[in-house]
N, C-alpha and C. Protein backbone atom coordinates (compact mmCIF):
# COMPACT_ATOMS: atom_id res chain seq x y z
N UNK A 1 -61.65 10.63 -20.64
CA UNK A 1 -60.30 10.65 -21.17
C UNK A 1 -59.79 9.21 -21.31
N UNK A 2 -59.17 8.89 -22.44
CA UNK A 2 -58.61 7.57 -22.69
C UNK A 2 -57.15 7.58 -22.28
N UNK A 3 -56.86 6.98 -21.14
CA UNK A 3 -55.48 6.97 -20.66
C UNK A 3 -54.66 5.81 -21.21
N UNK A 4 -55.29 4.89 -21.92
CA UNK A 4 -54.59 3.69 -22.38
C UNK A 4 -54.05 3.87 -23.80
N UNK A 5 -54.85 4.40 -24.72
CA UNK A 5 -54.38 4.58 -26.10
C UNK A 5 -53.16 5.49 -26.10
N UNK A 6 -52.11 4.99 -26.72
CA UNK A 6 -50.86 5.74 -26.79
C UNK A 6 -49.90 5.46 -25.65
N UNK A 7 -50.33 4.69 -24.64
CA UNK A 7 -49.39 4.33 -23.58
C UNK A 7 -48.20 3.63 -24.23
N UNK A 8 -47.01 4.01 -23.83
CA UNK A 8 -45.81 3.58 -24.56
C UNK A 8 -44.68 3.30 -23.58
N UNK A 9 -43.95 2.23 -23.85
CA UNK A 9 -42.71 1.95 -23.14
C UNK A 9 -41.67 1.52 -24.16
N UNK A 10 -40.42 1.80 -23.84
CA UNK A 10 -39.32 1.41 -24.73
C UNK A 10 -38.08 1.16 -23.90
N UNK A 11 -37.28 0.22 -24.37
CA UNK A 11 -36.00 -0.06 -23.74
C UNK A 11 -34.95 -0.16 -24.83
N UNK A 12 -33.70 -0.06 -24.44
CA UNK A 12 -32.57 -0.27 -25.36
C UNK A 12 -31.50 -1.04 -24.61
N UNK A 13 -31.02 -2.09 -25.23
CA UNK A 13 -29.95 -2.91 -24.66
C UNK A 13 -28.90 -3.18 -25.73
N UNK A 14 -27.66 -3.21 -25.32
CA UNK A 14 -26.58 -3.61 -26.21
C UNK A 14 -26.29 -5.08 -25.94
N UNK A 15 -26.23 -5.86 -27.02
CA UNK A 15 -26.03 -7.30 -26.90
C UNK A 15 -24.85 -7.73 -27.77
N UNK A 16 -24.16 -8.81 -27.40
CA UNK A 16 -23.00 -9.27 -28.17
C UNK A 16 -23.38 -10.18 -29.33
N UNK A 17 -24.29 -9.70 -30.15
CA UNK A 17 -24.79 -10.47 -31.29
C UNK A 17 -24.83 -9.53 -32.50
N UNK A 18 -24.29 -9.97 -33.65
CA UNK A 18 -24.38 -9.12 -34.85
C UNK A 18 -25.84 -8.82 -35.18
N UNK A 19 -26.10 -7.63 -35.68
CA UNK A 19 -27.51 -7.25 -35.86
C UNK A 19 -28.22 -8.11 -36.90
N UNK A 20 -27.55 -8.64 -37.91
CA UNK A 20 -28.20 -9.52 -38.87
C UNK A 20 -28.73 -10.77 -38.17
N UNK A 21 -27.92 -11.34 -37.29
CA UNK A 21 -28.35 -12.53 -36.55
C UNK A 21 -29.44 -12.17 -35.54
N UNK A 22 -29.29 -11.02 -34.89
CA UNK A 22 -30.31 -10.60 -33.92
C UNK A 22 -31.64 -10.40 -34.63
N UNK A 23 -31.62 -9.83 -35.83
CA UNK A 23 -32.87 -9.65 -36.58
C UNK A 23 -33.50 -11.00 -36.88
N UNK A 24 -32.70 -11.96 -37.32
CA UNK A 24 -33.24 -13.29 -37.61
C UNK A 24 -33.93 -13.87 -36.37
N UNK A 25 -33.34 -13.65 -35.21
CA UNK A 25 -33.90 -14.20 -33.98
C UNK A 25 -35.17 -13.46 -33.54
N UNK A 26 -35.18 -12.12 -33.57
CA UNK A 26 -36.39 -11.41 -33.13
C UNK A 26 -37.54 -11.63 -34.10
N UNK A 27 -37.24 -11.93 -35.36
CA UNK A 27 -38.29 -12.17 -36.35
C UNK A 27 -38.74 -13.63 -36.37
N UNK A 28 -38.13 -14.48 -35.56
CA UNK A 28 -38.50 -15.89 -35.49
C UNK A 28 -39.66 -16.07 -34.51
N UNK A 29 -40.85 -15.71 -34.95
CA UNK A 29 -42.01 -15.75 -34.05
C UNK A 29 -42.30 -17.15 -33.53
N UNK A 30 -41.88 -18.16 -34.27
CA UNK A 30 -42.08 -19.54 -33.81
C UNK A 30 -41.15 -19.92 -32.66
N UNK A 31 -40.16 -19.08 -32.35
CA UNK A 31 -39.21 -19.37 -31.27
C UNK A 31 -39.39 -18.48 -30.05
N UNK A 32 -40.26 -17.47 -30.12
CA UNK A 32 -40.36 -16.49 -29.04
C UNK A 32 -40.67 -17.14 -27.69
N UNK A 33 -41.40 -18.22 -27.69
CA UNK A 33 -41.72 -18.91 -26.44
C UNK A 33 -40.50 -19.45 -25.71
N UNK A 34 -39.39 -19.61 -26.41
CA UNK A 34 -38.15 -20.06 -25.77
C UNK A 34 -37.55 -18.98 -24.87
N UNK A 35 -37.88 -17.72 -25.16
CA UNK A 35 -37.17 -16.62 -24.52
C UNK A 35 -38.05 -15.70 -23.68
N UNK A 36 -39.30 -15.57 -24.01
CA UNK A 36 -40.17 -14.58 -23.37
C UNK A 36 -40.87 -15.13 -22.14
N UNK A 37 -40.95 -14.34 -21.07
CA UNK A 37 -41.74 -14.77 -19.93
C UNK A 37 -43.24 -14.65 -20.16
N UNK A 38 -43.64 -13.98 -21.24
CA UNK A 38 -45.07 -13.76 -21.50
C UNK A 38 -45.55 -14.36 -22.82
N UNK A 39 -44.78 -14.19 -23.88
CA UNK A 39 -45.18 -14.75 -25.17
C UNK A 39 -44.83 -16.23 -25.19
N UNK A 40 -45.85 -17.06 -25.30
CA UNK A 40 -45.64 -18.51 -25.24
C UNK A 40 -45.26 -19.12 -26.59
N UNK A 41 -45.51 -18.38 -27.66
CA UNK A 41 -45.17 -18.89 -28.98
C UNK A 41 -45.92 -18.18 -30.07
N UNK A 42 -45.60 -18.55 -31.30
CA UNK A 42 -46.27 -17.97 -32.45
C UNK A 42 -46.17 -18.90 -33.64
N UNK A 43 -47.12 -18.78 -34.53
CA UNK A 43 -47.14 -19.58 -35.74
C UNK A 43 -47.55 -18.71 -36.92
N UNK A 44 -46.75 -18.76 -37.97
CA UNK A 44 -47.07 -18.00 -39.18
C UNK A 44 -48.33 -18.56 -39.82
N UNK A 45 -49.11 -17.69 -40.41
CA UNK A 45 -50.35 -18.07 -41.10
C UNK A 45 -50.11 -18.15 -42.60
N UNK A 46 -50.98 -18.87 -43.28
CA UNK A 46 -51.06 -18.85 -44.74
C UNK A 46 -49.74 -19.13 -45.44
N UNK A 47 -49.01 -20.13 -44.97
CA UNK A 47 -47.76 -20.54 -45.60
C UNK A 47 -46.73 -19.41 -45.75
N UNK A 48 -46.66 -18.53 -44.79
CA UNK A 48 -45.66 -17.46 -44.81
C UNK A 48 -44.28 -18.10 -44.76
N UNK A 49 -43.41 -17.71 -45.68
CA UNK A 49 -42.06 -18.26 -45.74
C UNK A 49 -41.04 -17.37 -45.06
N UNK A 50 -41.33 -16.07 -44.98
CA UNK A 50 -40.41 -15.12 -44.36
C UNK A 50 -41.21 -13.91 -43.88
N UNK A 51 -40.73 -13.24 -42.84
CA UNK A 51 -41.44 -12.04 -42.36
C UNK A 51 -41.47 -10.97 -43.45
N UNK A 52 -42.64 -10.41 -43.67
CA UNK A 52 -42.82 -9.35 -44.66
C UNK A 52 -44.06 -8.54 -44.27
N UNK A 53 -44.10 -7.26 -44.64
CA UNK A 53 -45.29 -6.47 -44.32
C UNK A 53 -46.55 -7.16 -44.84
N UNK A 54 -47.54 -7.21 -43.98
CA UNK A 54 -48.81 -7.84 -44.31
C UNK A 54 -48.91 -9.30 -43.88
N UNK A 55 -47.76 -9.93 -43.61
CA UNK A 55 -47.78 -11.32 -43.14
C UNK A 55 -48.45 -11.39 -41.77
N UNK A 56 -49.19 -12.45 -41.55
CA UNK A 56 -49.90 -12.63 -40.28
C UNK A 56 -49.33 -13.82 -39.53
N UNK A 57 -49.40 -13.70 -38.21
CA UNK A 57 -49.08 -14.84 -37.37
C UNK A 57 -50.01 -14.85 -36.16
N UNK A 58 -50.17 -16.02 -35.60
CA UNK A 58 -50.98 -16.18 -34.39
C UNK A 58 -50.01 -16.25 -33.22
N UNK A 59 -50.20 -15.36 -32.27
CA UNK A 59 -49.37 -15.33 -31.07
C UNK A 59 -50.12 -15.91 -29.89
N UNK A 60 -49.38 -16.59 -29.03
CA UNK A 60 -49.95 -17.14 -27.80
C UNK A 60 -49.24 -16.50 -26.61
N UNK A 61 -50.03 -16.01 -25.67
CA UNK A 61 -49.47 -15.34 -24.49
C UNK A 61 -49.91 -16.05 -23.23
N UNK A 62 -49.06 -15.95 -22.22
CA UNK A 62 -49.39 -16.48 -20.89
C UNK A 62 -49.06 -15.38 -19.88
N UNK A 63 -49.87 -15.30 -18.84
CA UNK A 63 -49.73 -14.21 -17.87
C UNK A 63 -49.45 -14.76 -16.48
N UNK A 64 -49.04 -13.88 -15.59
CA UNK A 64 -48.68 -14.28 -14.22
C UNK A 64 -49.86 -14.93 -13.50
N UNK A 65 -51.08 -14.53 -13.84
CA UNK A 65 -52.26 -15.12 -13.18
C UNK A 65 -52.64 -16.47 -13.79
N UNK A 66 -51.78 -17.00 -14.66
CA UNK A 66 -51.95 -18.29 -15.34
C UNK A 66 -52.99 -18.28 -16.47
N UNK A 67 -53.53 -17.11 -16.78
CA UNK A 67 -54.45 -17.04 -17.92
C UNK A 67 -53.63 -17.03 -19.21
N UNK A 68 -54.28 -17.38 -20.30
CA UNK A 68 -53.63 -17.41 -21.60
C UNK A 68 -54.52 -16.74 -22.63
N UNK A 69 -53.92 -16.26 -23.70
CA UNK A 69 -54.69 -15.67 -24.78
C UNK A 69 -54.02 -16.00 -26.11
N UNK A 70 -54.81 -15.95 -27.16
CA UNK A 70 -54.33 -16.13 -28.52
C UNK A 70 -54.72 -14.88 -29.29
N UNK A 71 -53.77 -14.33 -30.04
CA UNK A 71 -54.01 -13.08 -30.76
C UNK A 71 -53.53 -13.19 -32.21
N UNK A 72 -54.16 -12.42 -33.07
CA UNK A 72 -53.73 -12.31 -34.46
C UNK A 72 -52.82 -11.10 -34.59
N UNK A 73 -51.67 -11.32 -35.20
CA UNK A 73 -50.68 -10.26 -35.37
C UNK A 73 -50.42 -10.04 -36.85
N UNK A 74 -50.12 -8.79 -37.22
CA UNK A 74 -49.84 -8.44 -38.60
C UNK A 74 -48.50 -7.70 -38.65
N UNK A 75 -47.57 -8.21 -39.44
CA UNK A 75 -46.27 -7.55 -39.61
C UNK A 75 -46.49 -6.24 -40.35
N UNK A 76 -45.95 -5.15 -39.80
CA UNK A 76 -46.07 -3.85 -40.46
C UNK A 76 -44.74 -3.35 -41.01
N UNK A 77 -43.63 -3.88 -40.47
CA UNK A 77 -42.30 -3.56 -41.00
C UNK A 77 -41.41 -4.79 -40.85
N UNK A 78 -40.66 -5.08 -41.89
CA UNK A 78 -39.71 -6.18 -41.85
C UNK A 78 -38.56 -5.83 -42.78
N UNK A 79 -37.60 -5.10 -42.24
CA UNK A 79 -36.46 -4.64 -43.02
C UNK A 79 -35.19 -5.20 -42.39
N UNK A 80 -34.75 -6.37 -42.88
CA UNK A 80 -33.54 -6.99 -42.35
C UNK A 80 -32.34 -6.16 -42.75
N UNK A 81 -31.46 -5.79 -41.86
CA UNK A 81 -31.34 -6.16 -40.45
C UNK A 81 -31.76 -5.05 -39.49
N UNK A 82 -32.63 -4.17 -39.91
CA UNK A 82 -32.89 -2.96 -39.12
C UNK A 82 -34.15 -2.96 -38.27
N UNK A 83 -35.28 -3.39 -38.84
CA UNK A 83 -36.57 -3.22 -38.15
C UNK A 83 -37.45 -4.45 -38.32
N UNK A 84 -38.08 -4.85 -37.23
CA UNK A 84 -39.15 -5.85 -37.27
C UNK A 84 -40.24 -5.33 -36.35
N UNK A 85 -41.44 -5.13 -36.91
CA UNK A 85 -42.54 -4.57 -36.13
C UNK A 85 -43.86 -5.22 -36.54
N UNK A 86 -44.79 -5.29 -35.59
CA UNK A 86 -46.09 -5.89 -35.85
C UNK A 86 -47.16 -5.26 -34.97
N UNK A 87 -48.39 -5.41 -35.41
CA UNK A 87 -49.53 -5.00 -34.60
C UNK A 87 -50.24 -6.24 -34.09
N UNK A 88 -50.89 -6.09 -32.95
CA UNK A 88 -51.73 -7.13 -32.38
C UNK A 88 -53.16 -6.63 -32.53
N UNK A 89 -54.00 -7.43 -33.18
CA UNK A 89 -55.38 -7.02 -33.43
C UNK A 89 -56.31 -7.53 -32.33
N UNK A 90 -57.34 -6.72 -32.04
CA UNK A 90 -58.36 -7.20 -31.11
C UNK A 90 -59.41 -7.97 -31.89
N UNK A 91 -60.44 -8.44 -31.22
CA UNK A 91 -61.47 -9.26 -31.87
C UNK A 91 -62.24 -8.51 -32.96
N UNK A 92 -62.25 -7.18 -32.89
CA UNK A 92 -62.94 -6.37 -33.89
C UNK A 92 -62.01 -5.96 -35.04
N UNK A 93 -60.75 -6.38 -34.97
CA UNK A 93 -59.79 -6.02 -36.02
C UNK A 93 -59.09 -4.70 -35.78
N UNK A 94 -59.30 -4.06 -34.62
CA UNK A 94 -58.59 -2.82 -34.28
C UNK A 94 -57.22 -3.15 -33.71
N UNK A 95 -56.30 -2.22 -33.86
CA UNK A 95 -54.96 -2.40 -33.31
C UNK A 95 -55.01 -2.26 -31.79
N UNK A 96 -54.71 -3.35 -31.12
CA UNK A 96 -54.64 -3.32 -29.66
C UNK A 96 -53.29 -2.83 -29.19
N UNK A 97 -52.24 -3.19 -29.93
CA UNK A 97 -50.89 -2.74 -29.59
C UNK A 97 -49.98 -2.86 -30.80
N UNK A 98 -48.88 -2.13 -30.72
CA UNK A 98 -47.84 -2.20 -31.74
C UNK A 98 -46.53 -2.49 -31.03
N UNK A 99 -45.81 -3.47 -31.55
CA UNK A 99 -44.52 -3.87 -31.02
C UNK A 99 -43.46 -3.62 -32.08
N UNK A 100 -42.27 -3.17 -31.66
CA UNK A 100 -41.25 -2.82 -32.64
C UNK A 100 -39.85 -3.12 -32.09
N UNK A 101 -39.05 -3.79 -32.92
CA UNK A 101 -37.63 -3.94 -32.67
C UNK A 101 -36.91 -3.09 -33.70
N UNK A 102 -35.99 -2.28 -33.23
CA UNK A 102 -35.13 -1.51 -34.13
C UNK A 102 -33.69 -1.85 -33.74
N UNK A 103 -32.91 -2.28 -34.72
CA UNK A 103 -31.55 -2.77 -34.47
C UNK A 103 -30.52 -1.86 -35.12
N UNK A 104 -29.49 -1.55 -34.34
CA UNK A 104 -28.39 -0.70 -34.82
C UNK A 104 -27.07 -1.41 -34.53
N UNK A 105 -26.04 -1.04 -35.29
CA UNK A 105 -24.71 -1.57 -35.01
C UNK A 105 -24.32 -1.15 -33.60
N UNK A 106 -23.73 -2.08 -32.87
CA UNK A 106 -23.29 -1.80 -31.51
C UNK A 106 -21.93 -1.13 -31.48
N UNK A 107 -21.49 -0.74 -30.29
CA UNK A 107 -20.21 -0.05 -30.17
C UNK A 107 -19.00 -0.96 -30.39
N UNK A 108 -19.18 -2.26 -30.20
CA UNK A 108 -18.10 -3.22 -30.42
C UNK A 108 -18.41 -4.04 -31.68
N UNK A 109 -17.39 -4.49 -32.38
CA UNK A 109 -17.64 -5.34 -33.55
C UNK A 109 -18.47 -6.56 -33.14
N UNK A 110 -19.45 -6.89 -33.95
CA UNK A 110 -20.29 -8.05 -33.67
C UNK A 110 -21.35 -7.82 -32.61
N UNK A 111 -21.58 -6.56 -32.23
CA UNK A 111 -22.62 -6.28 -31.24
C UNK A 111 -23.74 -5.47 -31.88
N UNK A 112 -24.87 -5.44 -31.18
CA UNK A 112 -26.05 -4.70 -31.66
C UNK A 112 -26.64 -3.90 -30.51
N UNK A 113 -27.24 -2.78 -30.86
CA UNK A 113 -28.07 -2.05 -29.92
C UNK A 113 -29.50 -2.36 -30.32
N UNK A 114 -30.25 -2.94 -29.40
CA UNK A 114 -31.62 -3.37 -29.65
C UNK A 114 -32.57 -2.40 -28.94
N UNK A 115 -33.37 -1.71 -29.73
CA UNK A 115 -34.44 -0.85 -29.20
C UNK A 115 -35.73 -1.66 -29.35
N UNK A 116 -36.44 -1.82 -28.26
CA UNK A 116 -37.70 -2.58 -28.29
C UNK A 116 -38.78 -1.70 -27.67
N UNK A 117 -39.91 -1.59 -28.36
CA UNK A 117 -40.96 -0.71 -27.85
C UNK A 117 -42.33 -1.34 -27.98
N UNK A 118 -43.24 -0.83 -27.16
CA UNK A 118 -44.64 -1.22 -27.12
C UNK A 118 -45.46 0.06 -27.07
N UNK A 119 -46.49 0.13 -27.90
CA UNK A 119 -47.43 1.24 -27.86
C UNK A 119 -48.84 0.67 -27.88
N UNK A 120 -49.64 1.07 -26.91
CA UNK A 120 -51.02 0.59 -26.85
C UNK A 120 -51.84 1.32 -27.91
N UNK A 121 -52.68 0.58 -28.62
CA UNK A 121 -53.55 1.17 -29.63
C UNK A 121 -54.92 1.47 -29.07
N UNK A 122 -55.83 1.78 -29.95
CA UNK A 122 -57.19 2.08 -29.51
C UNK A 122 -58.02 0.83 -29.24
N UNK A 123 -57.52 -0.34 -29.64
CA UNK A 123 -58.30 -1.57 -29.54
C UNK A 123 -58.48 -2.07 -28.12
N UNK A 124 -59.31 -3.10 -28.02
CA UNK A 124 -59.62 -3.72 -26.73
C UNK A 124 -58.51 -4.70 -26.35
N UNK A 125 -58.01 -4.57 -25.13
CA UNK A 125 -56.98 -5.47 -24.61
C UNK A 125 -57.24 -5.69 -23.12
N UNK A 126 -56.53 -6.64 -22.57
CA UNK A 126 -56.62 -6.86 -21.13
C UNK A 126 -56.16 -5.65 -20.34
N UNK A 127 -55.12 -4.96 -20.85
CA UNK A 127 -54.64 -3.75 -20.16
C UNK A 127 -55.74 -2.69 -20.11
N UNK A 128 -56.50 -2.56 -21.18
CA UNK A 128 -57.59 -1.58 -21.20
C UNK A 128 -58.69 -1.98 -20.21
N UNK A 129 -59.06 -3.24 -20.20
CA UNK A 129 -60.10 -3.71 -19.27
C UNK A 129 -59.66 -3.45 -17.83
N UNK A 130 -58.41 -3.81 -17.52
CA UNK A 130 -57.90 -3.61 -16.16
C UNK A 130 -57.84 -2.13 -15.79
N UNK A 131 -57.38 -1.28 -16.72
CA UNK A 131 -57.27 0.16 -16.43
C UNK A 131 -58.64 0.81 -16.29
N UNK A 132 -59.63 0.31 -17.03
CA UNK A 132 -60.99 0.83 -16.86
C UNK A 132 -61.52 0.51 -15.47
N UNK A 133 -61.16 -0.66 -14.95
CA UNK A 133 -61.61 -1.06 -13.60
C UNK A 133 -60.81 -0.33 -12.52
N UNK A 134 -59.51 -0.16 -12.74
CA UNK A 134 -58.63 0.50 -11.77
C UNK A 134 -57.49 1.17 -12.53
N UNK A 135 -57.55 2.49 -12.73
CA UNK A 135 -56.53 3.19 -13.52
C UNK A 135 -55.10 2.99 -13.02
N UNK A 136 -54.92 2.64 -11.76
CA UNK A 136 -53.57 2.45 -11.23
C UNK A 136 -52.89 1.20 -11.78
N UNK A 137 -53.66 0.29 -12.36
CA UNK A 137 -53.05 -0.95 -12.88
C UNK A 137 -52.22 -0.72 -14.14
N UNK A 138 -52.52 0.36 -14.88
CA UNK A 138 -51.80 0.59 -16.14
C UNK A 138 -50.31 0.75 -15.91
N UNK A 139 -49.92 1.53 -14.92
CA UNK A 139 -48.49 1.72 -14.66
C UNK A 139 -47.81 0.40 -14.34
N UNK A 140 -48.45 -0.42 -13.53
CA UNK A 140 -47.88 -1.73 -13.20
C UNK A 140 -47.71 -2.59 -14.44
N UNK A 141 -48.69 -2.53 -15.33
CA UNK A 141 -48.61 -3.33 -16.56
C UNK A 141 -47.45 -2.86 -17.43
N UNK A 142 -47.25 -1.55 -17.53
CA UNK A 142 -46.15 -1.02 -18.34
C UNK A 142 -44.80 -1.40 -17.73
N UNK A 143 -44.70 -1.39 -16.42
CA UNK A 143 -43.46 -1.82 -15.76
C UNK A 143 -43.19 -3.30 -16.06
N UNK A 144 -44.24 -4.12 -15.99
CA UNK A 144 -44.09 -5.54 -16.30
C UNK A 144 -43.64 -5.74 -17.75
N UNK A 145 -44.23 -4.98 -18.67
CA UNK A 145 -43.82 -5.09 -20.07
C UNK A 145 -42.34 -4.77 -20.24
N UNK A 146 -41.86 -3.69 -19.61
CA UNK A 146 -40.44 -3.34 -19.71
C UNK A 146 -39.55 -4.46 -19.19
N UNK A 147 -39.91 -5.00 -18.04
CA UNK A 147 -39.13 -6.09 -17.45
C UNK A 147 -39.12 -7.30 -18.40
N UNK A 148 -40.29 -7.65 -18.94
CA UNK A 148 -40.37 -8.79 -19.84
C UNK A 148 -39.61 -8.55 -21.14
N UNK A 149 -39.65 -7.32 -21.64
CA UNK A 149 -38.91 -7.00 -22.86
C UNK A 149 -37.41 -7.17 -22.64
N UNK A 150 -36.90 -6.70 -21.50
CA UNK A 150 -35.47 -6.83 -21.19
C UNK A 150 -35.10 -8.30 -21.03
N UNK A 151 -35.94 -9.06 -20.34
CA UNK A 151 -35.68 -10.49 -20.16
C UNK A 151 -35.63 -11.20 -21.51
N UNK A 152 -36.55 -10.87 -22.39
CA UNK A 152 -36.62 -11.51 -23.71
C UNK A 152 -35.39 -11.19 -24.55
N UNK A 153 -35.00 -9.93 -24.60
CA UNK A 153 -33.82 -9.56 -25.39
C UNK A 153 -32.57 -10.26 -24.86
N UNK A 154 -32.42 -10.29 -23.55
CA UNK A 154 -31.27 -10.95 -22.95
C UNK A 154 -31.25 -12.43 -23.29
N UNK A 155 -32.40 -13.08 -23.23
CA UNK A 155 -32.48 -14.51 -23.56
C UNK A 155 -32.21 -14.75 -25.04
N UNK A 156 -32.74 -13.90 -25.90
CA UNK A 156 -32.49 -14.04 -27.34
C UNK A 156 -31.00 -13.93 -27.62
N UNK A 157 -30.35 -12.98 -26.95
CA UNK A 157 -28.92 -12.75 -27.19
C UNK A 157 -28.06 -13.93 -26.79
N UNK A 158 -28.56 -14.79 -25.92
CA UNK A 158 -27.79 -15.97 -25.52
C UNK A 158 -28.21 -17.22 -26.28
N UNK A 159 -29.15 -17.09 -27.22
CA UNK A 159 -29.69 -18.25 -27.93
C UNK A 159 -28.64 -19.07 -28.65
N UNK A 160 -27.62 -18.43 -29.18
CA UNK A 160 -26.61 -19.14 -29.94
C UNK A 160 -25.31 -19.37 -29.18
N UNK A 161 -25.27 -18.94 -27.93
CA UNK A 161 -24.04 -19.10 -27.15
C UNK A 161 -23.92 -20.55 -26.68
N UNK A 162 -22.72 -20.97 -26.33
CA UNK A 162 -22.54 -22.35 -25.86
C UNK A 162 -23.40 -22.70 -24.65
N UNK A 163 -23.71 -21.70 -23.81
CA UNK A 163 -24.54 -21.96 -22.62
C UNK A 163 -25.99 -21.65 -22.85
N UNK A 164 -26.33 -21.08 -24.01
CA UNK A 164 -27.72 -20.73 -24.31
C UNK A 164 -28.46 -21.87 -24.97
N UNK A 165 -29.73 -21.66 -25.20
CA UNK A 165 -30.58 -22.68 -25.84
C UNK A 165 -30.37 -22.60 -27.35
N UNK A 166 -29.58 -23.47 -27.91
CA UNK A 166 -29.34 -23.45 -29.35
C UNK A 166 -30.36 -24.30 -30.06
N UNK A 167 -30.50 -24.02 -31.30
CA UNK A 167 -31.46 -24.79 -32.11
C UNK A 167 -30.87 -25.13 -33.44
């Protein structure tokens, strides 16, 4: 039985940022390293000028054990100001995971509800290797992903504030 494919986590947070601006920030793969405890950065490939389905970027990740990885990502949805989603490919070109931001108008003017999700694909990933060695590690990895997703959204939401990291 494959316990990893389809493993899914999702969070939703309300932030004091208009959804158009929040979309611009979540789609700024070159800035993700400023906010994420795990994603160290990203670079668009092939002279990509704006996020669009089929656009590729190279993502760099860092983990608690100090290891790092580089992955190829493919945008699968880019609908400003509503959705930004991408897949992470493994070395064989299979989908290792799918990441998705879905943005909705928040309850207060100028706010957004940010839904962020992760779904493990059939491809080879570190989570799969770890779960094959010890199935109990998968739950811990999913908890870590949720925590990191919340940390990232919170940091992104403060990016333009007077006390946040502006650019």
